[in-house]
Amino acid sequence: MAPQTLTELSHCNLEDISLETISLLLAQVQYPDLNIKHYQELLDHYAHQGSKYIKGVAGAPAIASALSHYLFEKEGFRGNTRDYYNPANSYFNDVLDRRSGIPITLAALYISVGQRLRLPVSGAAFPGHFLVRYEYEDGAFYVDAFSKGKLLSEKDCRKRIKDQYKGEVMFRPEFLASASHLDILLRMLSNLKMAHMLHKEFETVLQVLNYILMFSPEGIAELKERGLIYMHLECFRPALADLEKYMEHFPQADDFAVIEECVEDLREKVEHIS
């Protein structure tokens, strides 16, 4: 039986679950009554229409471009450059409704439609800008769904790293490897955390951090973040538990003294309310 919630999903092998299902279950953070079947049928429709654009097209790059033309020109999906950090850009149902998103959610659209058409597409966790990986007989190329499906070679991607990071980040082959569904989910959750944090929606940030730690219990940095959010929300006991655990795991952390002060203050508060 397919998982119905993110909690149920955490007990599954994510590679056995479609990326669209993972993305739509994630949207339940904001939309608990989301009709997942409706959006799966919408993706079925896009695949049916998209098949008409790739029919008879020869060669992997030409097929990828034909699908891009359909999704980004005919259907009008686009990267949201004006309001990039709007949380709606990270909720897959909103992206499908508004036809606007960020690189990873638009890549999820391309992958979900492409896989229905039996195209060899998957995600590539490229730093700062998620891509679609398209494998074919000559190797692989990459689709930038945020830029209307622009095709990129490995050379293009290497240049992006050089231009974007000015030598501070060196290119590594794993940047372009096929990303696991767990890696994609954690990146989506991280984007949501940042978007809601920028909007000061701290209770939603807490919910997202809980999910990150559910899927990645070793996330000590997220444990510290959750402790600080708990503290901001005046949930002193869980804040203390998280920050004490952080200090235990990272005694050499640069911010150890700051966190230690927070812990001392929290201990006083917890004793006061006991």
C-alpha atoms as a PDB file:
ATOM      1  CA  MET A   1       0.000   0.000   0.000  1.00  0.00           C
ATOM      2  CA  ALA A   2       1.347   3.431  -0.961  1.00  0.00           C
ATOM      3  CA  PRO A   3       2.340   5.733   1.917  1.00  0.00           C
ATOM      4  CA  GLN A   4      -0.239   8.374   2.789  1.00  0.00           C
ATOM      5  CA  THR A   5       1.930  10.698   4.899  1.00  0.00           C
ATOM      6  CA  LEU A   6       5.571  11.666   5.292  1.00  0.00           C
ATOM      7  CA  THR A   7       5.661   9.653   8.513  1.00  0.00           C
ATOM      8  CA  GLU A   8       4.559   6.543   6.626  1.00  0.00           C
ATOM      9  CA  LEU A   9       7.060   7.404   3.897  1.00  0.00           C
ATOM     10  CA  SER A  10       9.876   7.352   6.456  1.00  0.00           C
ATOM     11  CA  HIS A  11       9.316   3.600   6.864  1.00  0.00           C
ATOM     12  CA  CYS A  12       9.651   2.944   3.109  1.00  0.00           C
ATOM     13  CA  ASN A  13      12.545   2.473   0.733  1.00  0.00           C
ATOM     14  CA  LEU A  14      12.333   5.860  -0.972  1.00  0.00           C
ATOM     15  CA  GLU A  15      13.746   4.485  -4.208  1.00  0.00           C
ATOM     16  CA  ASP A  16      10.564   2.390  -4.520  1.00  0.00           C
ATOM     17  CA  ILE A  17       8.404   5.522  -4.315  1.00  0.00           C
ATOM     18  CA  SER A  18       7.981   7.882  -7.268  1.00  0.00           C
ATOM     19  CA  LEU A  19       9.471  11.356  -6.992  1.00  0.00           C
ATOM     20  CA  GLU A  20       6.055  12.920  -7.595  1.00  0.00           C
ATOM     21  CA  THR A  21       4.569  10.976  -4.649  1.00  0.00           C
ATOM     22  CA  ILE A  22       7.419  12.071  -2.392  1.00  0.00           C
ATOM     23  CA  SER A  23       7.024  15.681  -3.549  1.00  0.00           C
ATOM     24  CA  LEU A  24       3.251  15.660  -3.007  1.00  0.00           C
ATOM     25  CA  LEU A  25       3.502  14.025   0.421  1.00  0.00           C
ATOM     26  CA  LEU A  26       5.930  16.787   1.327  1.00  0.00           C
ATOM     27  CA  ALA A  27       3.306  19.333   0.297  1.00  0.00           C
ATOM     28  CA  GLN A  28       1.101  18.015   3.096  1.00  0.00           C
ATOM     29  CA  VAL A  29       3.271  20.084   5.450  1.00  0.00           C
ATOM     30  CA  GLN A  30       1.202  23.030   4.242  1.00  0.00           C
ATOM     31  CA  TYR A  31      -1.807  21.210   2.771  1.00  0.00           C
ATOM     32  CA  PRO A  32      -2.761  18.263   5.015  1.00  0.00           C
ATOM     33  CA  ASP A  33      -5.880  17.444   2.956  1.00  0.00           C
ATOM     34  CA  LEU A  34      -4.081  17.527  -0.392  1.00  0.00           C
ATOM     35  CA  ASN A  35      -5.697  15.453  -3.148  1.00  0.00           C
ATOM     36  CA  ILE A  36      -2.625  13.621  -4.408  1.00  0.00           C
ATOM     37  CA  LYS A  37      -4.545  11.658  -7.035  1.00  0.00           C
ATOM     38  CA  HIS A  38      -5.672  14.895  -8.713  1.00  0.00           C
ATOM     39  CA  TYR A  39      -2.075  15.984  -9.284  1.00  0.00           C
ATOM     40  CA  GLN A  40      -0.979  12.546 -10.435  1.00  0.00           C
ATOM     41  CA  GLU A  41      -3.742  12.655 -13.037  1.00  0.00           C
ATOM     42  CA  LEU A  42      -2.557  16.115 -14.072  1.00  0.00           C
ATOM     43  CA  LEU A  43       0.943  14.718 -14.591  1.00  0.00           C
ATOM     44  CA  ASP A  44      -0.607  11.876 -16.618  1.00  0.00           C
ATOM     45  CA  HIS A  45      -2.222  14.530 -18.805  1.00  0.00           C
ATOM     46  CA  TYR A  46       1.066  16.370 -19.319  1.00  0.00           C
ATOM     47  CA  ALA A  47       2.742  13.101 -20.283  1.00  0.00           C
ATOM     48  CA  HIS A  48      -0.022  12.289 -22.759  1.00  0.00           C
ATOM     49  CA  GLN A  49       0.261  15.711 -24.385  1.00  0.00           C
ATOM     50  CA  GLY A  50       4.043  15.682 -24.197  1.00  0.00           C
ATOM     51  CA  SER A  51       4.178  12.376 -26.051  1.00  0.00           C
ATOM     52  CA  LYS A  52       2.836  14.185 -29.120  1.00  0.00           C
ATOM     53  CA  TYR A  53       5.815  16.553 -29.091  1.00  0.00           C
ATOM     54  CA  ILE A  54       8.485  13.880 -28.829  1.00  0.00           C
ATOM     55  CA  LYS A  55       6.858  11.435 -31.249  1.00  0.00           C
ATOM     56  CA  GLY A  56       9.132  10.842 -34.213  1.00  0.00           C
ATOM     57  CA  VAL A  57      11.935  12.989 -32.770  1.00  0.00           C
ATOM     58  CA  ALA A  58      15.351  11.357 -33.147  1.00  0.00           C
ATOM     59  CA  GLY A  59      18.226  11.672 -30.698  1.00  0.00           C
ATOM     60  CA  ALA A  60      18.242  12.186 -26.947  1.00  0.00           C
ATOM     61  CA  PRO A  61      19.082  15.931 -26.978  1.00  0.00           C
ATOM     62  CA  ALA A  62      16.316  16.603 -29.501  1.00  0.00           C
ATOM     63  CA  ILE A  63      13.810  14.588 -27.450  1.00  0.00           C
ATOM     64  CA  ALA A  64      14.781  16.442 -24.270  1.00  0.00           C
ATOM     65  CA  SER A  65      14.417  19.771 -26.058  1.00  0.00           C
ATOM     66  CA  ALA A  66      11.017  18.773 -27.455  1.00  0.00           C
ATOM     67  CA  LEU A  67       9.745  17.940 -23.982  1.00  0.00           C
ATOM     68  CA  SER A  68      11.164  21.227 -22.683  1.00  0.00           C
ATOM     69  CA  HIS A  69       9.367  23.094 -25.455  1.00  0.00           C
ATOM     70  CA  TYR A  70       6.075  21.508 -24.468  1.00  0.00           C
ATOM     71  CA  LEU A  71       6.401  22.066 -20.715  1.00  0.00           C
ATOM     72  CA  PHE A  72       7.993  25.501 -20.685  1.00  0.00           C
ATOM     73  CA  GLU A  73       6.673  27.103 -23.861  1.00  0.00           C
ATOM     74  CA  LYS A  74       3.310  25.476 -24.480  1.00  0.00           C
ATOM     75  CA  GLU A  75       2.268  24.851 -20.856  1.00  0.00           C
ATOM     76  CA  GLY A  76       4.065  27.928 -19.567  1.00  0.00           C
ATOM     77  CA  PHE A  77       6.005  26.529 -16.610  1.00  0.00           C
ATOM     78  CA  ARG A  78       8.753  28.927 -15.569  1.00  0.00           C
ATOM     79  CA  GLY A  79      11.338  29.686 -12.947  1.00  0.00           C
ATOM     80  CA  ASN A  80      10.131  32.204 -10.381  1.00  0.00           C
ATOM     81  CA  THR A  81      12.894  34.794 -10.469  1.00  0.00           C
ATOM     82  CA  ARG A  82      10.825  37.625  -8.959  1.00  0.00           C
ATOM     83  CA  ASP A  83       9.781  35.839  -5.766  1.00  0.00           C
ATOM     84  CA  TYR A  84      12.280  33.001  -5.522  1.00  0.00           C
ATOM     85  CA  TYR A  85      11.983  32.441  -1.761  1.00  0.00           C
ATOM     86  CA  ASN A  86       8.198  32.265  -1.684  1.00  0.00           C
ATOM     87  CA  PRO A  87       7.412  28.946   0.069  1.00  0.00           C
ATOM     88  CA  ALA A  88       4.875  28.170  -2.674  1.00  0.00           C
ATOM     89  CA  ASN A  89       7.799  27.555  -5.030  1.00  0.00           C
ATOM     90  CA  SER A  90       8.749  24.550  -2.902  1.00  0.00           C
ATOM     91  CA  TYR A  91       5.302  22.930  -2.672  1.00  0.00           C
ATOM     92  CA  PHE A  92       4.796  20.704  -5.700  1.00  0.00           C
ATOM     93  CA  ASN A  93       1.029  21.194  -5.843  1.00  0.00           C
ATOM     94  CA  ASP A  94       1.504  24.987  -5.845  1.00  0.00           C
ATOM     95  CA  VAL A  95       4.086  24.661  -8.603  1.00  0.00           C
ATOM     96  CA  LEU A  96       1.645  22.646 -10.701  1.00  0.00           C
ATOM     97  CA  ASP A  97      -1.184  25.088  -9.992  1.00  0.00           C
ATOM     98  CA  ARG A  98       0.821  28.291 -10.480  1.00  0.00           C
ATOM     99  CA  ARG A  99       3.188  26.913 -13.155  1.00  0.00           C
ATOM    100  CA  SER A 100       6.057  28.554 -11.354  1.00  0.00           C
ATOM    101  CA  GLY A 101       8.793  27.188  -9.127  1.00  0.00           C
ATOM    102  CA  ILE A 102      12.456  26.834  -8.248  1.00  0.00           C
ATOM    103  CA  PRO A 103      15.004  24.503  -9.890  1.00  0.00           C
ATOM    104  CA  ILE A 104      14.262  21.404  -7.810  1.00  0.00           C
ATOM    105  CA  THR A 105      10.456  21.521  -8.066  1.00  0.00           C
ATOM    106  CA  LEU A 106      10.539  22.257 -11.790  1.00  0.00           C
ATOM    107  CA  ALA A 107      13.031  19.399 -12.161  1.00  0.00           C
ATOM    108  CA  ALA A 108      10.543  17.182 -10.298  1.00  0.00           C
ATOM    109  CA  LEU A 109       7.924  18.154 -12.895  1.00  0.00           C
ATOM    110  CA  TYR A 110      10.271  17.341 -15.794  1.00  0.00           C
ATOM    111  CA  ILE A 111      11.314  14.033 -14.221  1.00  0.00           C
ATOM    112  CA  SER A 112       7.744  13.010 -13.369  1.00  0.00           C
ATOM    113  CA  VAL A 113       6.574  13.648 -16.923  1.00  0.00           C
ATOM    114  CA  GLY A 114       9.743  12.277 -18.511  1.00  0.00           C
ATOM    115  CA  GLN A 115       9.618   9.006 -16.607  1.00  0.00           C
ATOM    116  CA  ARG A 116       6.008   8.514 -17.700  1.00  0.00           C
ATOM    117  CA  LEU A 117       7.340   8.775 -21.238  1.00  0.00           C
ATOM    118  CA  ARG A 118      10.079   6.237 -20.385  1.00  0.00           C
ATOM    119  CA  LEU A 119      12.858   8.754 -20.759  1.00  0.00           C
ATOM    120  CA  PRO A 120      16.077   8.003 -18.792  1.00  0.00           C
ATOM    121  CA  VAL A 121      15.842  11.047 -16.527  1.00  0.00           C
ATOM    122  CA  SER A 122      16.688  11.519 -12.865  1.00  0.00           C
ATOM    123  CA  GLY A 123      17.744  14.326 -10.548  1.00  0.00           C
ATOM    124  CA  ALA A 124      21.262  15.734 -10.227  1.00  0.00           C
ATOM    125  CA  ALA A 125      22.021  17.519  -6.956  1.00  0.00           C
ATOM    126  CA  PHE A 126      24.168  20.230  -8.531  1.00  0.00           C
ATOM    127  CA  PRO A 127      25.254  22.836  -5.938  1.00  0.00           C
ATOM    128  CA  GLY A 128      22.894  25.774  -5.693  1.00  0.00           C
ATOM    129  CA  HIS A 129      20.850  24.812  -8.749  1.00  0.00           C
ATOM    130  CA  PHE A 130      19.221  21.392  -9.044  1.00  0.00           C
ATOM    131  CA  LEU A 131      19.325  19.832 -12.527  1.00  0.00           C
ATOM    132  CA  VAL A 132      17.772  16.963 -14.461  1.00  0.00           C
ATOM    133  CA  ARG A 133      20.204  14.250 -15.567  1.00  0.00           C
ATOM    134  CA  TYR A 134      19.432  12.655 -18.948  1.00  0.00           C
ATOM    135  CA  GLU A 135      21.426   9.492 -19.698  1.00  0.00           C
ATOM    136  CA  TYR A 136      21.877   8.199 -23.233  1.00  0.00           C
ATOM    137  CA  GLU A 137      24.251   6.091 -25.277  1.00  0.00           C
ATOM    138  CA  ASP A 138      26.955   8.781 -25.430  1.00  0.00           C
ATOM    139  CA  GLY A 139      26.910   9.480 -21.689  1.00  0.00           C
ATOM    140  CA  ALA A 140      24.750  12.128 -20.068  1.00  0.00           C
ATOM    141  CA  PHE A 141      23.669  15.718 -20.475  1.00  0.00           C
ATOM    142  CA  TYR A 142      21.670  17.937 -18.134  1.00  0.00           C
ATOM    143  CA  VAL A 143      18.412  19.884 -18.326  1.00  0.00           C
ATOM    144  CA  ASP A 144      18.032  23.173 -16.456  1.00  0.00           C
ATOM    145  CA  ALA A 145      14.286  23.167 -15.800  1.00  0.00           C
ATOM    146  CA  PHE A 146      14.498  26.587 -14.141  1.00  0.00           C
ATOM    147  CA  SER A 147      15.803  28.071 -17.401  1.00  0.00           C
ATOM    148  CA  LYS A 148      13.080  26.704 -19.676  1.00  0.00           C
ATOM    149  CA  GLY A 149      14.804  23.360 -20.116  1.00  0.00           C
ATOM    150  CA  LYS A 150      18.158  24.600 -21.359  1.00  0.00           C
ATOM    151  CA  LEU A 151      20.490  21.703 -22.181  1.00  0.00           C
ATOM    152  CA  LEU A 152      23.895  21.644 -20.493  1.00  0.00           C
ATOM    153  CA  SER A 153      26.995  19.544 -21.042  1.00  0.00           C
ATOM    154  CA  GLU A 154      29.403  18.549 -18.269  1.00  0.00           C
ATOM    155  CA  LYS A 155      31.683  21.305 -19.575  1.00  0.00           C
ATOM    156  CA  ASP A 156      28.875  23.840 -19.136  1.00  0.00           C
ATOM    157  CA  CYS A 157      28.314  22.640 -15.573  1.00  0.00           C
ATOM    158  CA  ARG A 158      32.007  22.882 -14.750  1.00  0.00           C
ATOM    159  CA  LYS A 159      31.968  26.476 -15.994  1.00  0.00           C
ATOM    160  CA  ARG A 160      28.941  27.241 -13.809  1.00  0.00           C
ATOM    161  CA  ILE A 161      30.819  26.047 -10.735  1.00  0.00           C
ATOM    162  CA  LYS A 162      33.834  28.155 -11.659  1.00  0.00           C
ATOM    163  CA  ASP A 163      31.772  31.286 -12.364  1.00  0.00           C
ATOM    164  CA  GLN A 164      29.438  30.938  -9.387  1.00  0.00           C
ATOM    165  CA  TYR A 165      31.915  30.036  -6.667  1.00  0.00           C
ATOM    166  CA  LYS A 166      35.061  31.822  -7.925  1.00  0.00           C
ATOM    167  CA  GLY A 167      37.335  28.948  -6.994  1.00  0.00           C
ATOM    168  CA  GLU A 168      35.883  28.444  -3.494  1.00  0.00           C
ATOM    169  CA  VAL A 169      34.166  25.219  -4.601  1.00  0.00           C
ATOM    170  CA  MET A 170      35.915  22.783  -6.916  1.00  0.00           C
ATOM    171  CA  PHE A 171      33.943  20.652  -9.337  1.00  0.00           C
ATOM    172  CA  ARG A 172      33.362  17.049  -8.266  1.00  0.00           C
ATOM    173  CA  PRO A 173      31.800  14.316 -10.454  1.00  0.00           C
ATOM    174  CA  GLU A 174      29.196  13.541  -7.774  1.00  0.00           C
ATOM    175  CA  PHE A 175      27.649  16.971  -8.440  1.00  0.00           C
ATOM    176  CA  LEU A 176      26.232  15.477 -11.634  1.00  0.00           C
ATOM    177  CA  ALA A 177      25.528  11.932 -10.460  1.00  0.00           C
ATOM    178  CA  SER A 178      21.974  10.654 -10.258  1.00  0.00           C
ATOM    179  CA  ALA A 179      20.635  11.804  -6.874  1.00  0.00           C
ATOM    180  CA  SER A 180      18.822   9.394  -4.576  1.00  0.00           C
ATOM    181  CA  HIS A 181      15.230  10.131  -3.629  1.00  0.00           C
ATOM    182  CA  LEU A 182      16.384  10.639  -0.041  1.00  0.00           C
ATOM    183  CA  ASP A 183      18.888  13.281  -1.164  1.00  0.00           C
ATOM    184  CA  ILE A 184      16.175  15.018  -3.183  1.00  0.00           C
ATOM    185  CA  LEU A 185      13.682  14.936  -0.307  1.00  0.00           C
ATOM    186  CA  LEU A 186      16.228  16.352   2.146  1.00  0.00           C
ATOM    187  CA  ARG A 187      17.115  19.124  -0.297  1.00  0.00           C
ATOM    188  CA  MET A 188      13.425  19.962  -0.750  1.00  0.00           C
ATOM    189  CA  LEU A 189      12.970  20.055   3.013  1.00  0.00           C
ATOM    190  CA  SER A 190      16.021  22.278   3.378  1.00  0.00           C
ATOM    191  CA  ASN A 191      14.603  24.698   0.808  1.00  0.00           C
ATOM    192  CA  LEU A 192      11.284  24.757   2.677  1.00  0.00           C
ATOM    193  CA  LYS A 193      13.037  25.399   5.968  1.00  0.00           C
ATOM    194  CA  MET A 194      14.871  28.384   4.489  1.00  0.00           C
ATOM    195  CA  ALA A 195      11.764  29.809   2.799  1.00  0.00           C
ATOM    196  CA  HIS A 196       9.620  29.632   5.925  1.00  0.00           C
ATOM    197  CA  MET A 197      12.469  30.958   8.064  1.00  0.00           C
ATOM    198  CA  LEU A 198      12.772  34.026   5.830  1.00  0.00           C
ATOM    199  CA  HIS A 199       9.046  34.586   6.303  1.00  0.00           C
ATOM    200  CA  LYS A 200       9.425  34.131  10.100  1.00  0.00           C
ATOM    201  CA  GLU A 201       6.969  31.225  10.084  1.00  0.00           C
ATOM    202  CA  PHE A 202       8.717  29.503  12.952  1.00  0.00           C
ATOM    203  CA  GLU A 203       6.113  26.859  13.767  1.00  0.00           C
ATOM    204  CA  THR A 204       6.288  25.608  10.183  1.00  0.00           C
ATOM    205  CA  VAL A 205      10.095  25.723  10.336  1.00  0.00           C
ATOM    206  CA  LEU A 206       9.893  23.511  13.424  1.00  0.00           C
ATOM    207  CA  GLN A 207       7.636  21.062  11.604  1.00  0.00           C
ATOM    208  CA  VAL A 208      10.042  20.918   8.656  1.00  0.00           C
ATOM    209  CA  LEU A 209      13.036  20.387  10.952  1.00  0.00           C
ATOM    210  CA  ASN A 210      11.199  17.513  12.600  1.00  0.00           C
ATOM    211  CA  TYR A 211      10.818  15.885   9.196  1.00  0.00           C
ATOM    212  CA  ILE A 212      14.468  16.470   8.297  1.00  0.00           C
ATOM    213  CA  LEU A 213      15.523  14.754  11.499  1.00  0.00           C
ATOM    214  CA  MET A 214      13.020  11.967  10.884  1.00  0.00           C
ATOM    215  CA  PHE A 215      14.693  11.140   7.555  1.00  0.00           C
ATOM    216  CA  SER A 216      18.220  12.074   8.638  1.00  0.00           C
ATOM    217  CA  PRO A 217      18.583  11.489  12.402  1.00  0.00           C
ATOM    218  CA  GLU A 218      22.320  12.182  12.231  1.00  0.00           C
ATOM    219  CA  GLY A 219      21.644  15.807  11.235  1.00  0.00           C
ATOM    220  CA  ILE A 220      23.344  17.473  14.197  1.00  0.00           C
ATOM    221  CA  ALA A 221      23.261  20.935  12.579  1.00  0.00           C
ATOM    222  CA  GLU A 222      19.494  20.608  12.199  1.00  0.00           C
ATOM    223  CA  LEU A 223      19.292  19.476  15.820  1.00  0.00           C
ATOM    224  CA  LYS A 224      20.875  22.773  16.870  1.00  0.00           C
ATOM    225  CA  GLU A 225      18.523  24.710  14.600  1.00  0.00           C
ATOM    226  CA  ARG A 226      15.536  22.915  16.069  1.00  0.00           C
ATOM    227  CA  GLY A 227      16.737  23.654  19.589  1.00  0.00           C
ATOM    228  CA  LEU A 228      17.014  27.347  18.783  1.00  0.00           C
ATOM    229  CA  ILE A 229      13.545  27.370  17.216  1.00  0.00           C
ATOM    230  CA  TYR A 230      12.124  25.618  20.277  1.00  0.00           C
ATOM    231  CA  MET A 231      13.803  28.268  22.422  1.00  0.00           C
ATOM    232  CA  HIS A 232      12.312  31.074  20.301  1.00  0.00           C
ATOM    233  CA  LEU A 233       8.871  29.464  20.694  1.00  0.00           C
ATOM    234  CA  GLU A 234       9.465  29.210  24.466  1.00  0.00           C
ATOM    235  CA  CYS A 235       9.390  25.414  24.421  1.00  0.00           C
ATOM    236  CA  PHE A 236      12.221  25.263  26.910  1.00  0.00           C
ATOM    237  CA  ARG A 237      12.459  21.548  27.722  1.00  0.00           C
ATOM    238  CA  PRO A 238      12.806  20.277  24.129  1.00  0.00           C
ATOM    239  CA  ALA A 239      15.109  23.223  23.377  1.00  0.00           C
ATOM    240  CA  LEU A 240      17.371  22.196  26.239  1.00  0.00           C
ATOM    241  CA  ALA A 241      17.396  18.539  25.154  1.00  0.00           C
ATOM    242  CA  ASP A 242      18.363  19.408  21.574  1.00  0.00           C
ATOM    243  CA  LEU A 243      21.078  21.905  22.473  1.00  0.00           C
ATOM    244  CA  GLU A 244      22.620  19.665  25.131  1.00  0.00           C
ATOM    245  CA  LYS A 245      22.820  16.875  22.563  1.00  0.00           C
ATOM    246  CA  TYR A 246      24.414  19.271  20.077  1.00  0.00           C
ATOM    247  CA  MET A 247      27.074  20.266  22.618  1.00  0.00           C
ATOM    248  CA  GLU A 248      27.728  16.608  23.393  1.00  0.00           C
ATOM    249  CA  HIS A 249      28.357  15.803  19.728  1.00  0.00           C
ATOM    250  CA  PHE A 250      30.251  18.987  18.844  1.00  0.00           C
ATOM    251  CA  PRO A 251      32.440  20.056  21.794  1.00  0.00           C
ATOM    252  CA  GLN A 252      34.820  21.780  19.347  1.00  0.00           C
ATOM    253  CA  ALA A 253      32.111  23.727  17.491  1.00  0.00           C
ATOM    254  CA  ASP A 254      32.898  27.383  16.754  1.00  0.00           C
ATOM    255  CA  ASP A 255      29.621  28.421  18.382  1.00  0.00           C
ATOM    256  CA  PHE A 256      30.039  26.165  21.434  1.00  0.00           C
ATOM    257  CA  ALA A 257      30.357  29.076  23.887  1.00  0.00           C
ATOM    258  CA  VAL A 258      27.229  30.751  22.512  1.00  0.00           C
ATOM    259  CA  ILE A 259      25.205  27.539  22.697  1.00  0.00           C
ATOM    260  CA  GLU A 260      26.553  26.888  26.184  1.00  0.00           C
ATOM    261  CA  GLU A 261      25.150  30.244  27.314  1.00  0.00           C
ATOM    262  CA  CYS A 262      21.788  29.320  25.797  1.00  0.00           C
ATOM    263  CA  VAL A 263      21.851  25.986  27.612  1.00  0.00           C
ATOM    264  CA  GLU A 264      22.620  27.613  30.956  1.00  0.00           C
ATOM    265  CA  ASP A 265      19.734  30.043  30.460  1.00  0.00           C
ATOM    266  CA  LEU A 266      17.429  27.198  29.463  1.00  0.00           C
ATOM    267  CA  ARG A 267      18.363  25.155  32.531  1.00  0.00           C
ATOM    268  CA  GLU A 268      17.360  28.081  34.746  1.00  0.00           C
ATOM    269  CA  LYS A 269      14.039  28.419  32.930  1.00  0.00           C
ATOM    270  CA  VAL A 270      13.313  24.699  33.139  1.00  0.00           C
ATOM    271  CA  GLU A 271      14.116  24.657  36.868  1.00  0.00           C
ATOM    272  CA  HIS A 272      11.858  27.667  37.349  1.00  0.00           C
ATOM    273  CA  ILE A 273       8.852  25.993  35.738  1.00  0.00           C
ATOM    274  CA  SER A 274       9.451  22.602  37.397  1.00  0.00           C
END
